[in-house]
Amino acid sequence: MSSNQYHFITKWEFNAQIEEVFKLIENGADLPRWWPDVYLAARAEKSGRLDRIGDKIHFHTKGWLPYTLSWTAEVTSFRPPNHMEIKAIGDFVGKGIWSLSQEGNLTKVQFDWHILAEKPLLRYFSFIAKPIFSWNHHWAMARGYESLRAELSKQKL
């Protein structure tokens, strides 16, 4: 594995219906509204296909560390409400797979993220700072969990 290659698996559980959770995750253009600690901006580019394959979201994101990332997520597989796969290009290159399942009242979410960090700062310093960059990813995903949980609570009011 090259020093700028990363693989993360994030697991979340929510006391909510799978359709509610999937609707929030799959609507990438809305991420800056409910996940503002990480998603600074998002611009949708629709493919026009009913199956959403080829839809793109252009993101400007950040973590706890003082740098930002510009990247695009393109939908490569879409099976609501259980599965969405994206291809990442830009400061990240790779793929992410969202998998959701309903178990009683709980929705279980897994995000499997395989990427090469191509932003020069990350690419050139991963050999020494990989643990810090990995910690930054985990921080961002923890904010996502908290934000999604809060958003689901607001919808139940």
N, C-alpha and C. Protein backbone atom coordinates (compact mmCIF):
# COMPACT_ATOMS: atom_id res chain seq x y z
N MET A 1 0.85 -1.18 0.00
CA MET A 1 0.00 0.00 0.00
C MET A 1 0.89 1.24 0.00
N SER A 2 0.67 2.14 -0.95
CA SER A 2 1.47 3.36 -0.99
C SER A 2 1.10 4.25 0.19
N SER A 3 2.00 5.13 0.54
CA SER A 3 1.78 5.94 1.74
C SER A 3 0.57 6.85 1.63
N ASN A 4 0.16 7.24 0.42
CA ASN A 4 -1.01 8.12 0.29
C ASN A 4 -2.30 7.35 0.01
N GLN A 5 -2.25 6.04 0.18
CA GLN A 5 -3.44 5.19 0.00
C GLN A 5 -4.09 4.98 1.36
N TYR A 6 -5.40 5.14 1.41
CA TYR A 6 -6.14 5.02 2.67
C TYR A 6 -7.34 4.10 2.47
N HIS A 7 -7.67 3.37 3.52
CA HIS A 7 -8.87 2.54 3.54
C HIS A 7 -9.52 2.72 4.90
N PHE A 8 -10.75 3.22 4.89
CA PHE A 8 -11.49 3.45 6.13
C PHE A 8 -12.83 2.74 6.05
N ILE A 9 -13.24 2.16 7.16
CA ILE A 9 -14.59 1.62 7.28
C ILE A 9 -15.24 2.31 8.47
N THR A 10 -16.35 2.97 8.20
CA THR A 10 -17.10 3.68 9.24
C THR A 10 -18.42 2.97 9.43
N LYS A 11 -18.81 2.76 10.69
CA LYS A 11 -20.09 2.12 10.99
C LYS A 11 -20.89 3.02 11.92
N TRP A 12 -22.15 3.23 11.54
CA TRP A 12 -23.08 4.03 12.33
C TRP A 12 -24.35 3.22 12.55
N GLU A 13 -25.08 3.54 13.63
CA GLU A 13 -26.41 2.99 13.88
C GLU A 13 -27.34 4.13 14.29
N PHE A 14 -28.55 4.09 13.74
CA PHE A 14 -29.54 5.12 14.05
C PHE A 14 -30.87 4.46 14.38
N ASN A 15 -31.57 5.03 15.33
CA ASN A 15 -32.92 4.59 15.64
C ASN A 15 -33.86 5.32 14.68
N ALA A 16 -33.92 4.82 13.45
CA ALA A 16 -34.69 5.45 12.38
C ALA A 16 -34.93 4.43 11.28
N GLN A 17 -35.86 4.75 10.43
CA GLN A 17 -36.14 3.88 9.29
C GLN A 17 -35.07 4.07 8.21
N ILE A 18 -34.75 3.00 7.53
CA ILE A 18 -33.70 3.00 6.52
C ILE A 18 -33.95 4.03 5.43
N GLU A 19 -35.20 4.21 5.04
CA GLU A 19 -35.52 5.17 3.97
C GLU A 19 -35.18 6.60 4.38
N GLU A 20 -35.42 6.94 5.67
CA GLU A 20 -35.09 8.28 6.16
C GLU A 20 -33.58 8.53 6.12
N VAL A 21 -32.84 7.54 6.56
CA VAL A 21 -31.38 7.67 6.62
C VAL A 21 -30.80 7.74 5.21
N PHE A 22 -31.24 6.85 4.34
CA PHE A 22 -30.72 6.82 2.97
C PHE A 22 -31.02 8.14 2.25
N LYS A 23 -32.21 8.67 2.45
CA LYS A 23 -32.60 9.92 1.78
C LYS A 23 -31.62 11.05 2.13
N LEU A 24 -31.18 11.11 3.38
CA LEU A 24 -30.24 12.17 3.78
C LEU A 24 -28.85 11.92 3.22
N ILE A 25 -28.39 10.67 3.25
CA ILE A 25 -27.05 10.35 2.76
C ILE A 25 -26.95 10.53 1.24
N GLU A 26 -27.96 10.09 0.52
CA GLU A 26 -27.86 10.12 -0.95
C GLU A 26 -28.03 11.51 -1.54
N ASN A 27 -28.55 12.45 -0.79
CA ASN A 27 -28.74 13.80 -1.29
C ASN A 27 -27.49 14.64 -1.00
N GLY A 28 -26.45 14.41 -1.79
CA GLY A 28 -25.16 15.05 -1.57
C GLY A 28 -25.19 16.56 -1.59
N ALA A 29 -26.07 17.15 -2.38
CA ALA A 29 -26.13 18.61 -2.45
C ALA A 29 -26.60 19.22 -1.13
N ASP A 30 -27.24 18.43 -0.28
CA ASP A 30 -27.76 18.93 0.99
C ASP A 30 -26.78 18.72 2.16
N LEU A 31 -25.67 18.04 1.91
CA LEU A 31 -24.73 17.77 3.01
C LEU A 31 -24.22 19.03 3.71
N PRO A 32 -23.94 20.14 3.03
CA PRO A 32 -23.48 21.33 3.76
C PRO A 32 -24.51 21.85 4.78
N ARG A 33 -25.78 21.58 4.55
CA ARG A 33 -26.80 22.05 5.49
C ARG A 33 -26.76 21.28 6.81
N TRP A 34 -26.70 19.94 6.73
CA TRP A 34 -26.78 19.17 7.97
C TRP A 34 -25.43 18.63 8.46
N TRP A 35 -24.37 18.75 7.65
CA TRP A 35 -23.02 18.29 8.05
C TRP A 35 -22.03 19.43 7.81
N PRO A 36 -22.31 20.61 8.40
CA PRO A 36 -21.54 21.81 8.06
C PRO A 36 -20.12 21.83 8.60
N ASP A 37 -19.81 21.01 9.57
CA ASP A 37 -18.43 20.97 10.09
C ASP A 37 -17.46 20.42 9.05
N VAL A 38 -17.96 19.72 8.06
CA VAL A 38 -17.11 19.08 7.06
C VAL A 38 -17.41 19.56 5.64
N TYR A 39 -18.68 19.64 5.29
CA TYR A 39 -19.07 20.00 3.93
C TYR A 39 -19.31 21.50 3.83
N LEU A 40 -18.38 22.19 3.19
CA LEU A 40 -18.47 23.64 3.04
C LEU A 40 -19.36 24.04 1.87
N ALA A 41 -19.31 23.28 0.79
CA ALA A 41 -20.11 23.58 -0.40
C ALA A 41 -20.31 22.30 -1.20
N ALA A 42 -21.44 22.26 -1.92
CA ALA A 42 -21.75 21.12 -2.78
C ALA A 42 -22.58 21.62 -3.95
N ARG A 43 -22.19 21.20 -5.14
CA ARG A 43 -22.91 21.59 -6.35
C ARG A 43 -23.25 20.33 -7.14
N ALA A 44 -24.54 20.13 -7.37
CA ALA A 44 -25.01 18.93 -8.06
C ALA A 44 -24.93 19.11 -9.57
N GLU A 45 -24.61 18.01 -10.23
CA GLU A 45 -24.61 17.93 -11.70
C GLU A 45 -25.32 16.63 -12.05
N LYS A 46 -26.56 16.74 -12.50
CA LYS A 46 -27.39 15.56 -12.78
C LYS A 46 -27.08 14.98 -14.15
N SER A 47 -27.06 13.66 -14.21
CA SER A 47 -26.80 12.96 -15.47
C SER A 47 -28.05 12.90 -16.35
N GLY A 48 -29.20 13.02 -15.72
CA GLY A 48 -30.45 12.90 -16.45
C GLY A 48 -30.98 11.48 -16.49
N ARG A 49 -30.21 10.53 -15.96
CA ARG A 49 -30.65 9.13 -15.95
C ARG A 49 -31.56 8.89 -14.76
N LEU A 50 -32.59 8.08 -14.94
CA LEU A 50 -33.50 7.75 -13.85
C LEU A 50 -32.81 6.95 -12.75
N ASP A 51 -31.81 6.14 -13.12
CA ASP A 51 -31.13 5.31 -12.13
C ASP A 51 -30.02 6.07 -11.39
N ARG A 52 -29.85 7.36 -11.67
CA ARG A 52 -28.89 8.26 -11.02
C ARG A 52 -27.43 7.97 -11.34
N ILE A 53 -27.15 6.92 -12.12
CA ILE A 53 -25.77 6.62 -12.49
C ILE A 53 -25.22 7.81 -13.29
N GLY A 54 -24.04 8.26 -12.90
CA GLY A 54 -23.42 9.40 -13.56
C GLY A 54 -23.72 10.73 -12.90
N ASP A 55 -24.68 10.78 -11.96
CA ASP A 55 -24.89 12.01 -11.20
C ASP A 55 -23.61 12.37 -10.47
N LYS A 56 -23.29 13.65 -10.40
CA LYS A 56 -22.07 14.10 -9.74
C LYS A 56 -22.40 15.19 -8.72
N ILE A 57 -21.63 15.19 -7.66
CA ILE A 57 -21.66 16.29 -6.69
C ILE A 57 -20.23 16.78 -6.56
N HIS A 58 -20.04 18.07 -6.78
CA HIS A 58 -18.72 18.70 -6.63
C HIS A 58 -18.66 19.28 -5.22
N PHE A 59 -17.69 18.79 -4.44
CA PHE A 59 -17.60 19.15 -3.02
C PHE A 59 -16.39 20.03 -2.72
N HIS A 60 -16.58 20.87 -1.72
CA HIS A 60 -15.48 21.56 -1.05
C HIS A 60 -15.64 21.18 0.42
N THR A 61 -14.64 20.47 0.96
CA THR A 61 -14.76 19.91 2.31
C THR A 61 -13.56 20.26 3.16
N LYS A 62 -13.72 20.00 4.46
CA LYS A 62 -12.61 20.21 5.39
C LYS A 62 -12.74 19.21 6.53
N GLY A 63 -11.70 19.14 7.30
CA GLY A 63 -11.71 18.36 8.53
C GLY A 63 -11.32 19.27 9.66
N TRP A 64 -10.75 18.70 10.69
CA TRP A 64 -10.28 19.49 11.83
C TRP A 64 -8.98 20.20 11.49
N LEU A 65 -8.14 19.56 10.69
CA LEU A 65 -6.86 20.14 10.31
C LEU A 65 -7.07 21.32 9.36
N PRO A 66 -6.14 22.26 9.32
CA PRO A 66 -6.36 23.50 8.55
C PRO A 66 -6.06 23.40 7.05
N TYR A 67 -6.77 22.54 6.37
CA TYR A 67 -6.70 22.50 4.91
C TYR A 67 -8.07 22.09 4.39
N THR A 68 -8.34 22.40 3.13
CA THR A 68 -9.61 22.02 2.53
C THR A 68 -9.33 21.11 1.34
N LEU A 69 -10.38 20.45 0.88
CA LEU A 69 -10.28 19.49 -0.22
C LEU A 69 -11.37 19.79 -1.24
N SER A 70 -11.02 19.69 -2.50
CA SER A 70 -11.99 19.82 -3.60
C SER A 70 -12.03 18.48 -4.33
N TRP A 71 -13.20 17.93 -4.43
CA TRP A 71 -13.33 16.63 -5.08
C TRP A 71 -14.76 16.44 -5.57
N THR A 72 -14.91 15.48 -6.44
CA THR A 72 -16.21 15.18 -7.04
C THR A 72 -16.57 13.73 -6.76
N ALA A 73 -17.80 13.52 -6.35
CA ALA A 73 -18.35 12.17 -6.16
C ALA A 73 -19.29 11.90 -7.33
N GLU A 74 -19.04 10.81 -8.05
CA GLU A 74 -19.89 10.40 -9.16
C GLU A 74 -20.55 9.07 -8.81
N VAL A 75 -21.87 9.01 -8.92
CA VAL A 75 -22.61 7.79 -8.59
C VAL A 75 -22.31 6.72 -9.65
N THR A 76 -21.85 5.55 -9.17
CA THR A 76 -21.57 4.44 -10.08
C THR A 76 -22.53 3.26 -9.86
N SER A 77 -23.20 3.23 -8.71
CA SER A 77 -24.19 2.20 -8.42
C SER A 77 -25.18 2.79 -7.43
N PHE A 78 -26.46 2.53 -7.66
CA PHE A 78 -27.49 3.17 -6.84
C PHE A 78 -28.68 2.23 -6.70
N ARG A 79 -28.86 1.69 -5.48
CA ARG A 79 -29.97 0.78 -5.19
C ARG A 79 -30.62 1.19 -3.86
N PRO A 80 -31.49 2.21 -3.89
CA PRO A 80 -32.12 2.67 -2.66
C PRO A 80 -33.03 1.59 -2.07
N PRO A 81 -33.15 1.52 -0.77
CA PRO A 81 -32.47 2.34 0.24
C PRO A 81 -31.26 1.65 0.87
N ASN A 82 -30.64 0.70 0.15
CA ASN A 82 -29.59 -0.10 0.76
C ASN A 82 -28.17 0.19 0.29
N HIS A 83 -28.02 0.79 -0.89
CA HIS A 83 -26.68 0.81 -1.46
C HIS A 83 -26.48 2.01 -2.38
N MET A 84 -25.32 2.64 -2.22
CA MET A 84 -24.88 3.66 -3.16
C MET A 84 -23.36 3.61 -3.22
N GLU A 85 -22.84 3.58 -4.43
CA GLU A 85 -21.39 3.57 -4.63
C GLU A 85 -21.01 4.81 -5.41
N ILE A 86 -19.91 5.42 -4.99
CA ILE A 86 -19.42 6.61 -5.68
C ILE A 86 -17.97 6.42 -6.11
N LYS A 87 -17.63 7.11 -7.18
CA LYS A 87 -16.24 7.22 -7.61
C LYS A 87 -15.81 8.62 -7.23
N ALA A 88 -14.64 8.74 -6.60
CA ALA A 88 -14.12 10.04 -6.19
C ALA A 88 -13.00 10.46 -7.15
N ILE A 89 -13.03 11.73 -7.55
CA ILE A 89 -11.95 12.29 -8.36
C ILE A 89 -11.64 13.69 -7.84
N GLY A 90 -10.39 14.09 -7.96
CA GLY A 90 -9.95 15.39 -7.47
C GLY A 90 -8.88 15.21 -6.40
N ASP A 91 -9.02 15.90 -5.28
CA ASP A 91 -8.06 15.74 -4.19
C ASP A 91 -8.09 14.34 -3.59
N PHE A 92 -9.20 13.62 -3.78
CA PHE A 92 -9.32 12.19 -3.48
C PHE A 92 -9.56 11.47 -4.79
N VAL A 93 -8.97 10.29 -4.95
CA VAL A 93 -9.26 9.43 -6.09
C VAL A 93 -9.52 8.04 -5.54
N GLY A 94 -10.66 7.48 -5.87
CA GLY A 94 -10.98 6.15 -5.38
C GLY A 94 -12.46 5.89 -5.41
N LYS A 95 -12.94 5.12 -4.41
CA LYS A 95 -14.37 4.83 -4.38
C LYS A 95 -14.84 4.72 -2.94
N GLY A 96 -16.13 4.99 -2.79
CA GLY A 96 -16.80 4.86 -1.51
C GLY A 96 -18.08 4.08 -1.69
N ILE A 97 -18.38 3.22 -0.74
CA ILE A 97 -19.58 2.40 -0.81
C ILE A 97 -20.39 2.60 0.48
N TRP A 98 -21.61 3.11 0.31
CA TRP A 98 -22.56 3.22 1.41
C TRP A 98 -23.45 1.98 1.39
N SER A 99 -23.50 1.26 2.52
CA SER A 99 -24.37 0.09 2.66
C SER A 99 -25.25 0.29 3.88
N LEU A 100 -26.54 0.12 3.72
CA LEU A 100 -27.49 0.30 4.82
C LEU A 100 -28.34 -0.94 4.96
N SER A 101 -28.70 -1.25 6.21
CA SER A 101 -29.61 -2.36 6.48
C SER A 101 -30.51 -1.98 7.66
N GLN A 102 -31.72 -2.53 7.63
CA GLN A 102 -32.69 -2.29 8.70
C GLN A 102 -32.72 -3.52 9.59
N GLU A 103 -32.53 -3.32 10.89
CA GLU A 103 -32.61 -4.40 11.86
C GLU A 103 -33.52 -3.94 12.98
N GLY A 104 -34.78 -4.33 12.90
CA GLY A 104 -35.78 -3.85 13.86
C GLY A 104 -35.95 -2.36 13.68
N ASN A 105 -35.81 -1.60 14.78
CA ASN A 105 -35.92 -0.15 14.72
C ASN A 105 -34.62 0.54 14.33
N LEU A 106 -33.55 -0.23 14.21
CA LEU A 106 -32.25 0.35 13.91
C LEU A 106 -31.91 0.29 12.43
N THR A 107 -31.31 1.37 11.94
CA THR A 107 -30.70 1.35 10.62
C THR A 107 -29.20 1.31 10.84
N LYS A 108 -28.56 0.31 10.26
CA LYS A 108 -27.11 0.19 10.33
C LYS A 108 -26.52 0.70 9.02
N VAL A 109 -25.52 1.53 9.16
CA VAL A 109 -24.87 2.17 8.02
C VAL A 109 -23.40 1.81 8.04
N GLN A 110 -22.87 1.46 6.88
CA GLN A 110 -21.42 1.26 6.75
C GLN A 110 -20.95 2.04 5.54
N PHE A 111 -19.85 2.78 5.74
CA PHE A 111 -19.22 3.49 4.62
C PHE A 111 -17.82 2.93 4.47
N ASP A 112 -17.54 2.34 3.31
CA ASP A 112 -16.26 1.73 2.99
C ASP A 112 -15.57 2.65 1.98
N TRP A 113 -14.47 3.26 2.38
CA TRP A 113 -13.81 4.34 1.63
C TRP A 113 -12.41 3.91 1.26
N HIS A 114 -12.14 3.70 -0.03
CA HIS A 114 -10.82 3.35 -0.56
C HIS A 114 -10.35 4.51 -1.40
N ILE A 115 -9.32 5.21 -0.96
CA ILE A 115 -8.89 6.39 -1.71
C ILE A 115 -7.38 6.54 -1.76
N LEU A 116 -6.95 7.25 -2.77
CA LEU A 116 -5.61 7.81 -2.82
C LEU A 116 -5.77 9.29 -2.55
N ALA A 117 -5.01 9.81 -1.62
CA ALA A 117 -5.04 11.23 -1.32
C ALA A 117 -4.10 11.92 -2.32
N GLU A 118 -4.67 12.66 -3.25
CA GLU A 118 -3.89 13.27 -4.33
C GLU A 118 -3.58 14.74 -4.11
N LYS A 119 -4.22 15.38 -3.13
CA LYS A 119 -3.85 16.77 -2.83
C LYS A 119 -2.36 16.76 -2.47
N PRO A 120 -1.57 17.64 -3.05
CA PRO A 120 -0.11 17.58 -2.82
C PRO A 120 0.28 17.50 -1.35
N LEU A 121 -0.34 18.27 -0.48
CA LEU A 121 -0.03 18.21 0.95
C LEU A 121 -0.17 16.79 1.48
N LEU A 122 -1.26 16.14 1.13
CA LEU A 122 -1.52 14.78 1.62
C LEU A 122 -0.63 13.76 0.92
N ARG A 123 -0.47 13.90 -0.39
CA ARG A 123 0.32 12.93 -1.15
C ARG A 123 1.78 12.94 -0.69
N TYR A 124 2.34 14.12 -0.52
CA TYR A 124 3.77 14.21 -0.21
C TYR A 124 4.09 14.00 1.27
N PHE A 125 3.11 14.23 2.15
CA PHE A 125 3.41 14.10 3.58
C PHE A 125 2.75 12.90 4.23
N SER A 126 2.02 12.08 3.46
CA SER A 126 1.39 10.89 4.04
C SER A 126 2.41 9.93 4.64
N PHE A 127 3.59 9.86 4.06
CA PHE A 127 4.59 8.90 4.56
C PHE A 127 4.94 9.19 6.03
N ILE A 128 4.81 10.42 6.46
CA ILE A 128 5.14 10.76 7.85
C ILE A 128 3.90 11.13 8.66
N ALA A 129 2.87 11.68 8.02
CA ALA A 129 1.71 12.21 8.75
C ALA A 129 0.45 11.37 8.56
N LYS A 130 0.58 10.16 8.04
CA LYS A 130 -0.60 9.33 7.79
C LYS A 130 -1.47 9.14 9.04
N PRO A 131 -0.89 8.92 10.22
CA PRO A 131 -1.76 8.79 11.40
C PRO A 131 -2.56 10.05 11.70
N ILE A 132 -2.00 11.22 11.44
CA ILE A 132 -2.70 12.48 11.67
C ILE A 132 -3.81 12.66 10.63
N PHE A 133 -3.51 12.36 9.37
CA PHE A 133 -4.52 12.46 8.32
C PHE A 133 -5.65 11.46 8.56
N SER A 134 -5.31 10.27 9.05
CA SER A 134 -6.33 9.26 9.37
C SER A 134 -7.20 9.75 10.53
N TRP A 135 -6.57 10.31 11.55
CA TRP A 135 -7.33 10.85 12.68
C TRP A 135 -8.29 11.92 12.18
N ASN A 136 -7.86 12.77 11.25
CA ASN A 136 -8.70 13.83 10.69
C ASN A 136 -9.94 13.24 10.00
N HIS A 137 -9.76 12.13 9.28
CA HIS A 137 -10.90 11.46 8.64
C HIS A 137 -11.89 10.98 9.71
N HIS A 138 -11.37 10.34 10.76
CA HIS A 138 -12.25 9.82 11.82
C HIS A 138 -12.98 10.95 12.52
N TRP A 139 -12.31 12.09 12.71
CA TRP A 139 -12.96 13.27 13.29
C TRP A 139 -14.12 13.70 12.41
N ALA A 140 -13.89 13.78 11.08
CA ALA A 140 -14.92 14.22 10.15
C ALA A 140 -16.12 13.27 10.17
N MET A 141 -15.87 11.98 10.20
CA MET A 141 -16.96 11.00 10.20
C MET A 141 -17.72 11.03 11.53
N ALA A 142 -17.05 11.31 12.62
CA ALA A 142 -17.74 11.45 13.91
C ALA A 142 -18.68 12.65 13.87
N ARG A 143 -18.26 13.74 13.23
CA ARG A 143 -19.14 14.90 13.06
C ARG A 143 -20.34 14.51 12.19
N GLY A 144 -20.11 13.68 11.18
CA GLY A 144 -21.20 13.21 10.33
C GLY A 144 -22.23 12.42 11.11
N TYR A 145 -21.76 11.53 11.98
CA TYR A 145 -22.68 10.73 12.80
C TYR A 145 -23.52 11.64 13.69
N GLU A 146 -22.86 12.56 14.39
CA GLU A 146 -23.58 13.48 15.28
C GLU A 146 -24.58 14.32 14.49
N SER A 147 -24.16 14.82 13.35
CA SER A 147 -25.02 15.70 12.55
C SER A 147 -26.20 14.94 11.96
N LEU A 148 -25.98 13.73 11.49
CA LEU A 148 -27.08 12.94 10.93
C LEU A 148 -28.06 12.53 12.03
N ARG A 149 -27.54 12.17 13.18
CA ARG A 149 -28.43 11.84 14.31
C ARG A 149 -29.30 13.04 14.68
N ALA A 150 -28.69 14.24 14.72
CA ALA A 150 -29.46 15.45 15.04
C ALA A 150 -30.50 15.75 13.96
N GLU A 151 -30.13 15.57 12.70
CA GLU A 151 -31.06 15.82 11.59
C GLU A 151 -32.24 14.86 11.64
N LEU A 152 -31.98 13.59 11.94
CA LEU A 152 -33.07 12.62 12.05
C LEU A 152 -34.00 12.97 13.22
N SER A 153 -33.44 13.47 14.32
CA SER A 153 -34.25 13.89 15.47
C SER A 153 -35.15 15.06 15.11
N LYS A 154 -34.61 16.02 14.34
CA LYS A 154 -35.41 17.18 13.93
C LYS A 154 -36.58 16.75 13.05
N GLN A 155 -36.37 15.75 12.22
CA GLN A 155 -37.42 15.30 11.32
C GLN A 155 -38.56 14.60 12.05
N LYS A 156 -38.27 14.10 13.25
CA LYS A 156 -39.29 13.38 14.00
C LYS A 156 -40.18 14.33 14.80
N LEU A 157 -39.79 15.59 14.92
CA LEU A 157 -40.59 16.55 15.69
C LEU A 157 -41.87 16.93 15.00
